[in-house]
């Protein structure tokens, strides 16, 4: 191509660039309105006392909402429940999903397709449906969980799984593990398929055993995908409202009240918008801290 033609093409491309940038502007403005405005409003209202039922303008309180939070027993209970719910779900589902993926790694053909469809099926079920499904399974009279445990002799009498403060949160965590384990199974299965054949062949030549291959070859390849996947699941479970609300509505008492349920109650049952905004701001900051921790962990692993 002649030099003058290349220069003309470069000028045309350079002239289109500003136009393309302006074309993106409407999308950025929409995103700013959808995401930015609620965040700014939440931060603003967190410094005010504002109850929708009082029909009075917001009253500036400074940091009083956050001071109230420090002595709010229900806030600390909901935070503890959220950490148990999130941590228990992510840890157990990651372990089970990874183990199942390693166990089924060598399956091929139609058998692999059928088994994968079976294992992944819980991930396709909407969370609200999962909640109703386990709510019926946990019924004291007629629930399949009690029927199985009674037949096996594990329990002597039917258990009210969702109405006992000591076991209700654990029962919801089990339901959540069932729903989220397929995510880690898919993640690990994809990561395992990306391990170079030369690396595995070298391990076979060196006569590396099964456990040596898993711990010294496969798991190092799985670290980064698992870090990213666990971050996504931490955020997802931290924000999980549907399963807890459908199964127990945060009860009995506050035994299963998580932070998102507490914010909901404050905002839409008691209409304490100012205090709910302060709770939401703390909620956001906690997620940001977790995200920064995971990103730094991933960055350090990549630089090692």
C-alpha atoms as a PDB file:
ATOM      1  CA  UNK A   1       0.000   0.000   0.000  1.00  0.00           C
ATOM      2  CA  UNK A   2       1.401   3.465  -0.869  1.00  0.00           C
ATOM      3  CA  UNK A   3       2.550   5.688   1.966  1.00  0.00           C
ATOM      4  CA  UNK A   4      -0.087   8.346   1.291  1.00  0.00           C
ATOM      5  CA  UNK A   5      -2.855   5.686   1.490  1.00  0.00           C
ATOM      6  CA  UNK A   6      -1.589   4.511   4.878  1.00  0.00           C
ATOM      7  CA  UNK A   7      -1.538   8.100   6.128  1.00  0.00           C
ATOM      8  CA  UNK A   8      -5.090   8.663   4.899  1.00  0.00           C
ATOM      9  CA  UNK A   9      -6.280   5.471   6.628  1.00  0.00           C
ATOM     10  CA  UNK A  10      -4.580   6.549   9.855  1.00  0.00           C
ATOM     11  CA  UNK A  11      -6.269   9.961   9.689  1.00  0.00           C
ATOM     12  CA  UNK A  12      -9.681   8.363   9.132  1.00  0.00           C
ATOM     13  CA  UNK A  13      -9.146   5.975  12.052  1.00  0.00           C
ATOM     14  CA  UNK A  14      -7.959   8.826  14.240  1.00  0.00           C
ATOM     15  CA  UNK A  15     -10.988  10.888  13.271  1.00  0.00           C
ATOM     16  CA  UNK A  16     -13.371   8.077  14.223  1.00  0.00           C
ATOM     17  CA  UNK A  17     -11.865   7.588  17.686  1.00  0.00           C
ATOM     18  CA  UNK A  18     -13.362  10.738  19.313  1.00  0.00           C
ATOM     19  CA  UNK A  19     -16.742   9.919  17.735  1.00  0.00           C
ATOM     20  CA  UNK A  20     -16.645   6.384  19.147  1.00  0.00           C
ATOM     21  CA  UNK A  21     -15.774   7.770  22.562  1.00  0.00           C
ATOM     22  CA  UNK A  22     -18.811  10.044  22.431  1.00  0.00           C
ATOM     23  CA  UNK A  23     -20.974   7.074  21.454  1.00  0.00           C
ATOM     24  CA  UNK A  24     -20.041   5.380  24.734  1.00  0.00           C
ATOM     25  CA  UNK A  25     -21.075   8.423  26.778  1.00  0.00           C
ATOM     26  CA  UNK A  26     -24.837   7.603  26.981  1.00  0.00           C
ATOM     27  CA  UNK A  27     -24.042   4.147  28.369  1.00  0.00           C
ATOM     28  CA  UNK A  28     -21.698   5.639  30.950  1.00  0.00           C
ATOM     29  CA  UNK A  29     -24.355   8.154  31.995  1.00  0.00           C
ATOM     30  CA  UNK A  30     -26.951   5.405  32.394  1.00  0.00           C
ATOM     31  CA  UNK A  31     -24.546   3.318  34.491  1.00  0.00           C
ATOM     32  CA  UNK A  32     -23.717   6.363  36.582  1.00  0.00           C
ATOM     33  CA  UNK A  33     -27.404   6.997  37.211  1.00  0.00           C
ATOM     34  CA  UNK A  34     -28.204   3.361  38.016  1.00  0.00           C
ATOM     35  CA  UNK A  35     -25.164   2.636  40.202  1.00  0.00           C
ATOM     36  CA  UNK A  36     -23.750   5.968  41.291  1.00  0.00           C
ATOM     37  CA  UNK A  37     -26.917   7.719  42.442  1.00  0.00           C
ATOM     38  CA  UNK A  38     -28.071   4.977  44.878  1.00  0.00           C
ATOM     39  CA  UNK A  39     -24.579   4.753  46.387  1.00  0.00           C
ATOM     40  CA  UNK A  40     -24.312   8.516  46.848  1.00  0.00           C
ATOM     41  CA  UNK A  41     -27.846   8.658  48.303  1.00  0.00           C
ATOM     42  CA  UNK A  42     -27.041   5.848  50.730  1.00  0.00           C
ATOM     43  CA  UNK A  43     -23.904   7.606  51.931  1.00  0.00           C
ATOM     44  CA  UNK A  44     -25.813  10.885  52.290  1.00  0.00           C
ATOM     45  CA  UNK A  45     -28.796   9.438  54.186  1.00  0.00           C
ATOM     46  CA  UNK A  46     -26.554   7.437  56.535  1.00  0.00           C
ATOM     47  CA  UNK A  47     -25.808  10.703  58.379  1.00  0.00           C
ATOM     48  CA  UNK A  48     -29.494  11.548  58.889  1.00  0.00           C
ATOM     49  CA  UNK A  49     -32.478  10.389  60.894  1.00  0.00           C
ATOM     50  CA  UNK A  50     -35.147   9.783  58.296  1.00  0.00           C
ATOM     51  CA  UNK A  51     -38.324   7.808  58.907  1.00  0.00           C
ATOM     52  CA  UNK A  52     -40.854   7.662  56.093  1.00  0.00           C
ATOM     53  CA  UNK A  53     -43.723   7.417  58.573  1.00  0.00           C
ATOM     54  CA  UNK A  54     -42.875  10.696  60.316  1.00  0.00           C
ATOM     55  CA  UNK A  55     -43.551  12.867  57.249  1.00  0.00           C
ATOM     56  CA  UNK A  56     -40.765  15.205  58.363  1.00  0.00           C
ATOM     57  CA  UNK A  57     -37.582  16.238  56.550  1.00  0.00           C
ATOM     58  CA  UNK A  58     -34.394  14.268  57.329  1.00  0.00           C
ATOM     59  CA  UNK A  59     -32.607  15.462  60.476  1.00  0.00           C
ATOM     60  CA  UNK A  60     -28.812  15.574  60.421  1.00  0.00           C
ATOM     61  CA  UNK A  61     -27.261  13.324  63.088  1.00  0.00           C
ATOM     62  CA  UNK A  62     -23.611  13.179  62.085  1.00  0.00           C
ATOM     63  CA  UNK A  63     -22.157   9.845  63.163  1.00  0.00           C
ATOM     64  CA  UNK A  64     -24.978   8.954  65.567  1.00  0.00           C
ATOM     65  CA  UNK A  65     -26.296   6.153  63.342  1.00  0.00           C
ATOM     66  CA  UNK A  66     -22.880   4.496  63.368  1.00  0.00           C
ATOM     67  CA  UNK A  67     -22.588   4.991  67.137  1.00  0.00           C
ATOM     68  CA  UNK A  68     -25.976   3.323  67.525  1.00  0.00           C
ATOM     69  CA  UNK A  69     -24.736   0.441  65.403  1.00  0.00           C
ATOM     70  CA  UNK A  70     -21.857  -0.199  67.798  1.00  0.00           C
ATOM     71  CA  UNK A  71     -24.329  -0.926  70.610  1.00  0.00           C
ATOM     72  CA  UNK A  72     -26.966  -2.606  68.442  1.00  0.00           C
ATOM     73  CA  UNK A  73     -27.108  -6.249  69.530  1.00  0.00           C
ATOM     74  CA  UNK A  74     -29.134  -7.307  66.499  1.00  0.00           C
ATOM     75  CA  UNK A  75     -26.571  -5.784  64.140  1.00  0.00           C
ATOM     76  CA  UNK A  76     -23.780  -7.873  65.659  1.00  0.00           C
ATOM     77  CA  UNK A  77     -25.951 -11.007  65.573  1.00  0.00           C
ATOM     78  CA  UNK A  78     -26.777 -10.402  61.906  1.00  0.00           C
ATOM     79  CA  UNK A  79     -23.116  -9.767  61.080  1.00  0.00           C
ATOM     80  CA  UNK A  80     -22.072 -12.989  62.839  1.00  0.00           C
ATOM     81  CA  UNK A  81     -24.793 -14.941  61.022  1.00  0.00           C
ATOM     82  CA  UNK A  82     -23.698 -13.443  57.702  1.00  0.00           C
ATOM     83  CA  UNK A  83     -20.093 -14.489  58.279  1.00  0.00           C
ATOM     84  CA  UNK A  84     -21.135 -18.021  59.276  1.00  0.00           C
ATOM     85  CA  UNK A  85     -23.519 -18.291  56.337  1.00  0.00           C
ATOM     86  CA  UNK A  86     -21.030 -16.975  53.794  1.00  0.00           C
ATOM     87  CA  UNK A  87     -17.925 -18.677  55.158  1.00  0.00           C
ATOM     88  CA  UNK A  88     -19.586 -22.042  55.714  1.00  0.00           C
ATOM     89  CA  UNK A  89     -21.184 -22.086  52.285  1.00  0.00           C
ATOM     90  CA  UNK A  90     -18.105 -21.009  50.326  1.00  0.00           C
ATOM     91  CA  UNK A  91     -15.669 -23.290  52.168  1.00  0.00           C
ATOM     92  CA  UNK A  92     -17.749 -26.468  52.024  1.00  0.00           C
ATOM     93  CA  UNK A  93     -19.079 -25.970  48.493  1.00  0.00           C
ATOM     94  CA  UNK A  94     -15.547 -25.245  47.245  1.00  0.00           C
ATOM     95  CA  UNK A  95     -14.193 -28.430  48.855  1.00  0.00           C
ATOM     96  CA  UNK A  96     -17.036 -30.615  47.568  1.00  0.00           C
ATOM     97  CA  UNK A  97     -17.040 -29.062  44.091  1.00  0.00           C
ATOM     98  CA  UNK A  98     -13.271 -29.477  43.763  1.00  0.00           C
ATOM     99  CA  UNK A  99     -13.355 -33.069  45.018  1.00  0.00           C
ATOM    100  CA  UNK A 100     -16.171 -34.062  42.643  1.00  0.00           C
ATOM    101  CA  UNK A 101     -14.419 -32.398  39.688  1.00  0.00           C
ATOM    102  CA  UNK A 102     -11.197 -34.282  40.451  1.00  0.00           C
ATOM    103  CA  UNK A 103     -13.111 -37.527  40.892  1.00  0.00           C
ATOM    104  CA  UNK A 104     -14.923 -37.206  37.553  1.00  0.00           C
ATOM    105  CA  UNK A 105     -11.992 -35.714  35.644  1.00  0.00           C
ATOM    106  CA  UNK A 106     -11.290 -38.777  33.505  1.00  0.00           C
ATOM    107  CA  UNK A 107     -14.872 -39.412  32.394  1.00  0.00           C
ATOM    108  CA  UNK A 108     -15.386 -38.961  28.651  1.00  0.00           C
ATOM    109  CA  UNK A 109     -18.147 -39.128  26.068  1.00  0.00           C
ATOM    110  CA  UNK A 110     -21.874 -39.543  26.817  1.00  0.00           C
ATOM    111  CA  UNK A 111     -21.226 -40.715  30.368  1.00  0.00           C
ATOM    112  CA  UNK A 112     -19.395 -37.464  31.168  1.00  0.00           C
ATOM    113  CA  UNK A 113     -22.172 -35.417  29.566  1.00  0.00           C
ATOM    114  CA  UNK A 114     -24.875 -37.177  31.592  1.00  0.00           C
ATOM    115  CA  UNK A 115     -22.980 -36.980  34.888  1.00  0.00           C
ATOM    116  CA  UNK A 116     -22.101 -33.324  34.350  1.00  0.00           C
ATOM    117  CA  UNK A 117     -25.739 -32.471  33.624  1.00  0.00           C
ATOM    118  CA  UNK A 118     -26.790 -34.240  36.828  1.00  0.00           C
ATOM    119  CA  UNK A 119     -24.166 -32.517  38.987  1.00  0.00           C
ATOM    120  CA  UNK A 120     -24.802 -29.077  37.504  1.00  0.00           C
ATOM    121  CA  UNK A 121     -28.614 -29.254  37.694  1.00  0.00           C
ATOM    122  CA  UNK A 122     -28.895 -27.607  41.162  1.00  0.00           C
ATOM    123  CA  UNK A 123     -27.117 -24.522  39.793  1.00  0.00           C
ATOM    124  CA  UNK A 124     -29.909 -24.101  37.216  1.00  0.00           C
ATOM    125  CA  UNK A 125     -32.646 -24.021  39.868  1.00  0.00           C
ATOM    126  CA  UNK A 126     -33.692 -20.478  40.900  1.00  0.00           C
ATOM    127  CA  UNK A 127     -32.752 -19.660  44.488  1.00  0.00           C
ATOM    128  CA  UNK A 128     -36.369 -19.033  45.485  1.00  0.00           C
ATOM    129  CA  UNK A 129     -37.297 -22.498  44.221  1.00  0.00           C
ATOM    130  CA  UNK A 130     -34.361 -23.971  46.165  1.00  0.00           C
ATOM    131  CA  UNK A 131     -35.630 -22.260  49.305  1.00  0.00           C
ATOM    132  CA  UNK A 132     -39.171 -23.604  48.902  1.00  0.00           C
ATOM    133  CA  UNK A 133     -37.838 -27.071  48.034  1.00  0.00           C
ATOM    134  CA  UNK A 134     -35.757 -27.336  51.197  1.00  0.00           C
ATOM    135  CA  UNK A 135     -38.479 -25.721  53.263  1.00  0.00           C
ATOM    136  CA  UNK A 136     -40.768 -28.620  52.337  1.00  0.00           C
ATOM    137  CA  UNK A 137     -37.968 -31.149  52.812  1.00  0.00           C
ATOM    138  CA  UNK A 138     -37.322 -29.804  56.329  1.00  0.00           C
ATOM    139  CA  UNK A 139     -40.985 -30.009  57.417  1.00  0.00           C
ATOM    140  CA  UNK A 140     -41.379 -31.597  60.831  1.00  0.00           C
ATOM    141  CA  UNK A 141     -44.256 -33.791  59.720  1.00  0.00           C
ATOM    142  CA  UNK A 142     -43.948 -35.335  56.281  1.00  0.00           C
ATOM    143  CA  UNK A 143     -40.585 -33.814  55.395  1.00  0.00           C
ATOM    144  CA  UNK A 144     -38.257 -36.171  53.559  1.00  0.00           C
ATOM    145  CA  UNK A 145     -35.264 -35.261  55.755  1.00  0.00           C
ATOM    146  CA  UNK A 146     -37.006 -36.399  58.937  1.00  0.00           C
ATOM    147  CA  UNK A 147     -38.416 -39.491  57.211  1.00  0.00           C
ATOM    148  CA  UNK A 148     -34.960 -40.629  56.065  1.00  0.00           C
ATOM    149  CA  UNK A 149     -33.278 -39.929  59.407  1.00  0.00           C
ATOM    150  CA  UNK A 150     -36.078 -41.710  61.302  1.00  0.00           C
ATOM    151  CA  UNK A 151     -35.805 -44.763  59.038  1.00  0.00           C
ATOM    152  CA  UNK A 152     -32.027 -44.857  59.577  1.00  0.00           C
ATOM    153  CA  UNK A 153     -32.439 -44.510  63.338  1.00  0.00           C
ATOM    154  CA  UNK A 154     -30.355 -41.318  63.456  1.00  0.00           C
ATOM    155  CA  UNK A 155     -33.123 -39.431  65.290  1.00  0.00           C
ATOM    156  CA  UNK A 156     -35.864 -40.716  67.547  1.00  0.00           C
ATOM    157  CA  UNK A 157     -38.427 -37.980  66.930  1.00  0.00           C
ATOM    158  CA  UNK A 158     -39.103 -35.571  64.056  1.00  0.00           C
ATOM    159  CA  UNK A 159     -36.993 -32.417  64.228  1.00  0.00           C
ATOM    160  CA  UNK A 160     -38.299 -28.940  63.465  1.00  0.00           C
ATOM    161  CA  UNK A 161     -35.230 -27.919  61.474  1.00  0.00           C
ATOM    162  CA  UNK A 162     -36.219 -24.346  60.702  1.00  0.00           C
ATOM    163  CA  UNK A 163     -37.855 -23.511  64.042  1.00  0.00           C
ATOM    164  CA  UNK A 164     -34.945 -24.277  66.366  1.00  0.00           C
ATOM    165  CA  UNK A 165     -32.482 -21.476  66.980  1.00  0.00           C
ATOM    166  CA  UNK A 166     -29.545 -23.851  67.391  1.00  0.00           C
ATOM    167  CA  UNK A 167     -29.836 -25.607  64.011  1.00  0.00           C
ATOM    168  CA  UNK A 168     -31.894 -23.362  61.713  1.00  0.00           C
ATOM    169  CA  UNK A 169     -28.911 -21.444  60.305  1.00  0.00           C
ATOM    170  CA  UNK A 170     -27.065 -24.700  59.647  1.00  0.00           C
ATOM    171  CA  UNK A 171     -30.110 -26.067  57.822  1.00  0.00           C
ATOM    172  CA  UNK A 172     -30.146 -23.044  55.501  1.00  0.00           C
ATOM    173  CA  UNK A 173     -26.392 -23.372  54.916  1.00  0.00           C
ATOM    174  CA  UNK A 174     -26.905 -26.992  53.810  1.00  0.00           C
ATOM    175  CA  UNK A 175     -29.511 -25.848  51.279  1.00  0.00           C
ATOM    176  CA  UNK A 176     -27.161 -23.146  50.052  1.00  0.00           C
ATOM    177  CA  UNK A 177     -24.269 -25.597  49.704  1.00  0.00           C
ATOM    178  CA  UNK A 178     -26.467 -27.844  47.557  1.00  0.00           C
ATOM    179  CA  UNK A 179     -27.294 -24.891  45.299  1.00  0.00           C
ATOM    180  CA  UNK A 180     -23.783 -23.438  44.940  1.00  0.00           C
ATOM    181  CA  UNK A 181     -21.495 -26.489  44.787  1.00  0.00           C
ATOM    182  CA  UNK A 182     -22.052 -26.899  41.003  1.00  0.00           C
ATOM    183  CA  UNK A 183     -20.443 -23.492  40.457  1.00  0.00           C
ATOM    184  CA  UNK A 184     -17.132 -24.725  41.856  1.00  0.00           C
ATOM    185  CA  UNK A 185     -17.522 -28.038  40.031  1.00  0.00           C
ATOM    186  CA  UNK A 186     -17.780 -26.228  36.688  1.00  0.00           C
ATOM    187  CA  UNK A 187     -14.967 -23.853  37.587  1.00  0.00           C
ATOM    188  CA  UNK A 188     -12.555 -26.609  38.603  1.00  0.00           C
ATOM    189  CA  UNK A 189     -13.529 -28.854  35.680  1.00  0.00           C
ATOM    190  CA  UNK A 190     -12.721 -26.048  33.245  1.00  0.00           C
ATOM    191  CA  UNK A 191      -9.429 -25.300  34.999  1.00  0.00           C
ATOM    192  CA  UNK A 192      -8.408 -28.969  34.965  1.00  0.00           C
ATOM    193  CA  UNK A 193      -8.978 -29.175  31.225  1.00  0.00           C
ATOM    194  CA  UNK A 194      -6.536 -26.292  30.817  1.00  0.00           C
ATOM    195  CA  UNK A 195      -3.587 -28.059  32.449  1.00  0.00           C
ATOM    196  CA  UNK A 196      -0.999 -28.760  29.709  1.00  0.00           C
ATOM    197  CA  UNK A 197      -0.739 -32.415  28.722  1.00  0.00           C
ATOM    198  CA  UNK A 198       3.054 -32.129  28.818  1.00  0.00           C
ATOM    199  CA  UNK A 199       2.952 -31.358  32.540  1.00  0.00           C
ATOM    200  CA  UNK A 200       0.786 -34.390  33.302  1.00  0.00           C
ATOM    201  CA  UNK A 201       2.906 -36.589  31.044  1.00  0.00           C
ATOM    202  CA  UNK A 202       6.041 -35.480  32.904  1.00  0.00           C
ATOM    203  CA  UNK A 203       4.397 -36.483  36.170  1.00  0.00           C
ATOM    204  CA  UNK A 204       3.606 -39.926  34.767  1.00  0.00           C
ATOM    205  CA  UNK A 205       7.177 -40.329  33.504  1.00  0.00           C
ATOM    206  CA  UNK A 206       8.461 -39.398  36.968  1.00  0.00           C
ATOM    207  CA  UNK A 207       6.045 -41.977  38.423  1.00  0.00           C
ATOM    208  CA  UNK A 208       4.299 -39.414  40.580  1.00  0.00           C
ATOM    209  CA  UNK A 209       1.491 -40.943  42.622  1.00  0.00           C
ATOM    210  CA  UNK A 210      -2.148 -39.874  42.584  1.00  0.00           C
ATOM    211  CA  UNK A 211      -1.943 -37.647  45.657  1.00  0.00           C
ATOM    212  CA  UNK A 212       1.397 -36.187  44.612  1.00  0.00           C
ATOM    213  CA  UNK A 213      -0.056 -35.270  41.210  1.00  0.00           C
ATOM    214  CA  UNK A 214      -3.105 -33.648  42.812  1.00  0.00           C
ATOM    215  CA  UNK A 215      -1.285 -31.624  45.472  1.00  0.00           C
ATOM    216  CA  UNK A 216       1.869 -30.673  43.570  1.00  0.00           C
ATOM    217  CA  UNK A 217       0.600 -30.274  40.011  1.00  0.00           C
ATOM    218  CA  UNK A 218      -3.167 -29.878  39.764  1.00  0.00           C
ATOM    219  CA  UNK A 219      -3.925 -27.774  42.844  1.00  0.00           C
ATOM    220  CA  UNK A 220      -1.301 -25.115  41.969  1.00  0.00           C
ATOM    221  CA  UNK A 221      -3.056 -24.710  38.599  1.00  0.00           C
ATOM    222  CA  UNK A 222      -6.389 -24.369  40.429  1.00  0.00           C
ATOM    223  CA  UNK A 223      -5.324 -21.661  42.882  1.00  0.00           C
ATOM    224  CA  UNK A 224      -6.102 -18.587  40.805  1.00  0.00           C
ATOM    225  CA  UNK A 225      -9.459 -19.854  39.489  1.00  0.00           C
ATOM    226  CA  UNK A 226     -10.479 -20.834  43.028  1.00  0.00           C
ATOM    227  CA  UNK A 227      -9.490 -17.423  44.403  1.00  0.00           C
ATOM    228  CA  UNK A 228     -11.575 -15.641  41.770  1.00  0.00           C
ATOM    229  CA  UNK A 229     -14.472 -18.076  42.155  1.00  0.00           C
ATOM    230  CA  UNK A 230     -14.506 -17.852  45.941  1.00  0.00           C
ATOM    231  CA  UNK A 231     -14.524 -14.034  45.728  1.00  0.00           C
ATOM    232  CA  UNK A 232     -17.578 -14.146  43.465  1.00  0.00           C
ATOM    233  CA  UNK A 233     -19.318 -16.592  45.785  1.00  0.00           C
ATOM    234  CA  UNK A 234     -18.472 -14.557  48.895  1.00  0.00           C
ATOM    235  CA  UNK A 235     -20.088 -11.506  47.313  1.00  0.00           C
ATOM    236  CA  UNK A 236     -23.073 -13.553  46.132  1.00  0.00           C
ATOM    237  CA  UNK A 237     -23.692 -15.187  49.521  1.00  0.00           C
ATOM    238  CA  UNK A 238     -23.090 -11.972  51.445  1.00  0.00           C
ATOM    239  CA  UNK A 239     -25.935 -10.474  49.403  1.00  0.00           C
ATOM    240  CA  UNK A 240     -28.175 -13.552  49.493  1.00  0.00           C
ATOM    241  CA  UNK A 241     -31.657 -12.566  50.590  1.00  0.00           C
ATOM    242  CA  UNK A 242     -34.030 -14.976  48.862  1.00  0.00           C
ATOM    243  CA  UNK A 243     -33.149 -18.265  50.540  1.00  0.00           C
ATOM    244  CA  UNK A 244     -33.020 -16.902  54.086  1.00  0.00           C
ATOM    245  CA  UNK A 245     -36.209 -14.885  53.707  1.00  0.00           C
ATOM    246  CA  UNK A 246     -38.260 -17.647  52.089  1.00  0.00           C
ATOM    247  CA  UNK A 247     -37.121 -20.337  54.525  1.00  0.00           C
ATOM    248  CA  UNK A 248     -37.208 -18.507  57.882  1.00  0.00           C
ATOM    249  CA  UNK A 249     -37.607 -14.720  57.377  1.00  0.00           C
ATOM    250  CA  UNK A 250     -34.664 -14.381  59.740  1.00  0.00           C
ATOM    251  CA  UNK A 251     -36.208 -16.387  62.578  1.00  0.00           C
ATOM    252  CA  UNK A 252     -36.715 -17.987  64.956  1.00  0.00           C
ATOM    253  CA  UNK A 253     -35.979 -14.793  66.825  1.00  0.00           C
ATOM    254  CA  UNK A 254     -32.848 -13.504  65.127  1.00  0.00           C
ATOM    255  CA  UNK A 255     -31.160 -16.896  64.752  1.00  0.00           C
ATOM    256  CA  UNK A 256     -30.972 -16.660  60.948  1.00  0.00           C
ATOM    257  CA  UNK A 257     -31.124 -12.890  60.493  1.00  0.00           C
ATOM    258  CA  UNK A 258     -28.307 -11.907  58.159  1.00  0.00           C
ATOM    259  CA  UNK A 259     -27.147  -8.383  57.402  1.00  0.00           C
ATOM    260  CA  UNK A 260     -29.178  -8.139  54.213  1.00  0.00           C
ATOM    261  CA  UNK A 261     -32.318  -9.300  56.041  1.00  0.00           C
ATOM    262  CA  UNK A 262     -31.714  -6.781  58.832  1.00  0.00           C
ATOM    263  CA  UNK A 263     -31.294  -3.951  56.319  1.00  0.00           C
ATOM    264  CA  UNK A 264     -34.518  -5.034  54.628  1.00  0.00           C
ATOM    265  CA  UNK A 265     -36.427  -5.032  57.916  1.00  0.00           C
ATOM    266  CA  UNK A 266     -35.108  -1.602  58.862  1.00  0.00           C
ATOM    267  CA  UNK A 267     -35.883  -0.077  55.475  1.00  0.00           C
ATOM    268  CA  UNK A 268     -39.167  -1.711  54.481  1.00  0.00           C
ATOM    269  CA  UNK A 269     -40.797  -2.784  57.752  1.00  0.00           C
ATOM    270  CA  UNK A 270     -39.725  -0.053  60.176  1.00  0.00           C
ATOM    271  CA  UNK A 271     -38.999   2.549  57.455  1.00  0.00           C
ATOM    272  CA  UNK A 272     -35.854   3.731  59.282  1.00  0.00           C
ATOM    273  CA  UNK A 273     -34.210   4.863  56.066  1.00  0.00           C
ATOM    274  CA  UNK A 274     -31.347   6.712  57.762  1.00  0.00           C
ATOM    275  CA  UNK A 275     -30.275   3.799  59.937  1.00  0.00           C
ATOM    276  CA  UNK A 276     -30.824   1.317  57.094  1.00  0.00           C
ATOM    277  CA  UNK A 277     -28.544   3.460  54.915  1.00  0.00           C
ATOM    278  CA  UNK A 278     -25.850   3.384  57.594  1.00  0.00           C
ATOM    279  CA  UNK A 279     -26.160  -0.405  57.772  1.00  0.00           C
ATOM    280  CA  UNK A 280     -25.967  -0.587  53.987  1.00  0.00           C
ATOM    281  CA  UNK A 281     -22.833   1.553  53.966  1.00  0.00           C
ATOM    282  CA  UNK A 282     -21.102  -0.767  56.444  1.00  0.00           C
ATOM    283  CA  UNK A 283     -22.271  -3.687  54.333  1.00  0.00           C
ATOM    284  CA  UNK A 284     -20.683  -2.104  51.242  1.00  0.00           C
ATOM    285  CA  UNK A 285     -17.418  -1.361  53.056  1.00  0.00           C
ATOM    286  CA  UNK A 286     -17.153  -4.952  54.276  1.00  0.00           C
ATOM    287  CA  UNK A 287     -17.565  -6.243  50.728  1.00  0.00           C
ATOM    288  CA  UNK A 288     -14.945  -3.782  49.496  1.00  0.00           C
ATOM    289  CA  UNK A 289     -12.507  -4.985  52.161  1.00  0.00           C
ATOM    290  CA  UNK A 290     -13.101  -8.616  51.199  1.00  0.00           C
ATOM    291  CA  UNK A 291     -12.668  -7.764  47.510  1.00  0.00           C
ATOM    292  CA  UNK A 292      -9.401  -5.915  48.158  1.00  0.00           C
ATOM    293  CA  UNK A 293      -8.115  -8.863  50.204  1.00  0.00           C
ATOM    294  CA  UNK A 294      -8.882 -11.340  47.426  1.00  0.00           C
ATOM    295  CA  UNK A 295      -7.446  -9.101  44.705  1.00  0.00           C
ATOM    296  CA  UNK A 296      -4.216  -8.617  46.660  1.00  0.00           C
ATOM    297  CA  UNK A 297      -4.040 -12.365  47.262  1.00  0.00           C
ATOM    298  CA  UNK A 298      -4.463 -13.029  43.552  1.00  0.00           C
ATOM    299  CA  UNK A 299      -1.914 -10.339  42.663  1.00  0.00           C
ATOM    300  CA  UNK A 300       0.665 -11.756  45.081  1.00  0.00           C
ATOM    301  CA  UNK A 301       0.190 -15.275  43.695  1.00  0.00           C
ATOM    302  CA  UNK A 302       0.693 -14.060  40.135  1.00  0.00           C
ATOM    303  CA  UNK A 303       3.886 -12.221  41.101  1.00  0.00           C
ATOM    304  CA  UNK A 304       5.397 -15.168  42.994  1.00  0.00           C
END
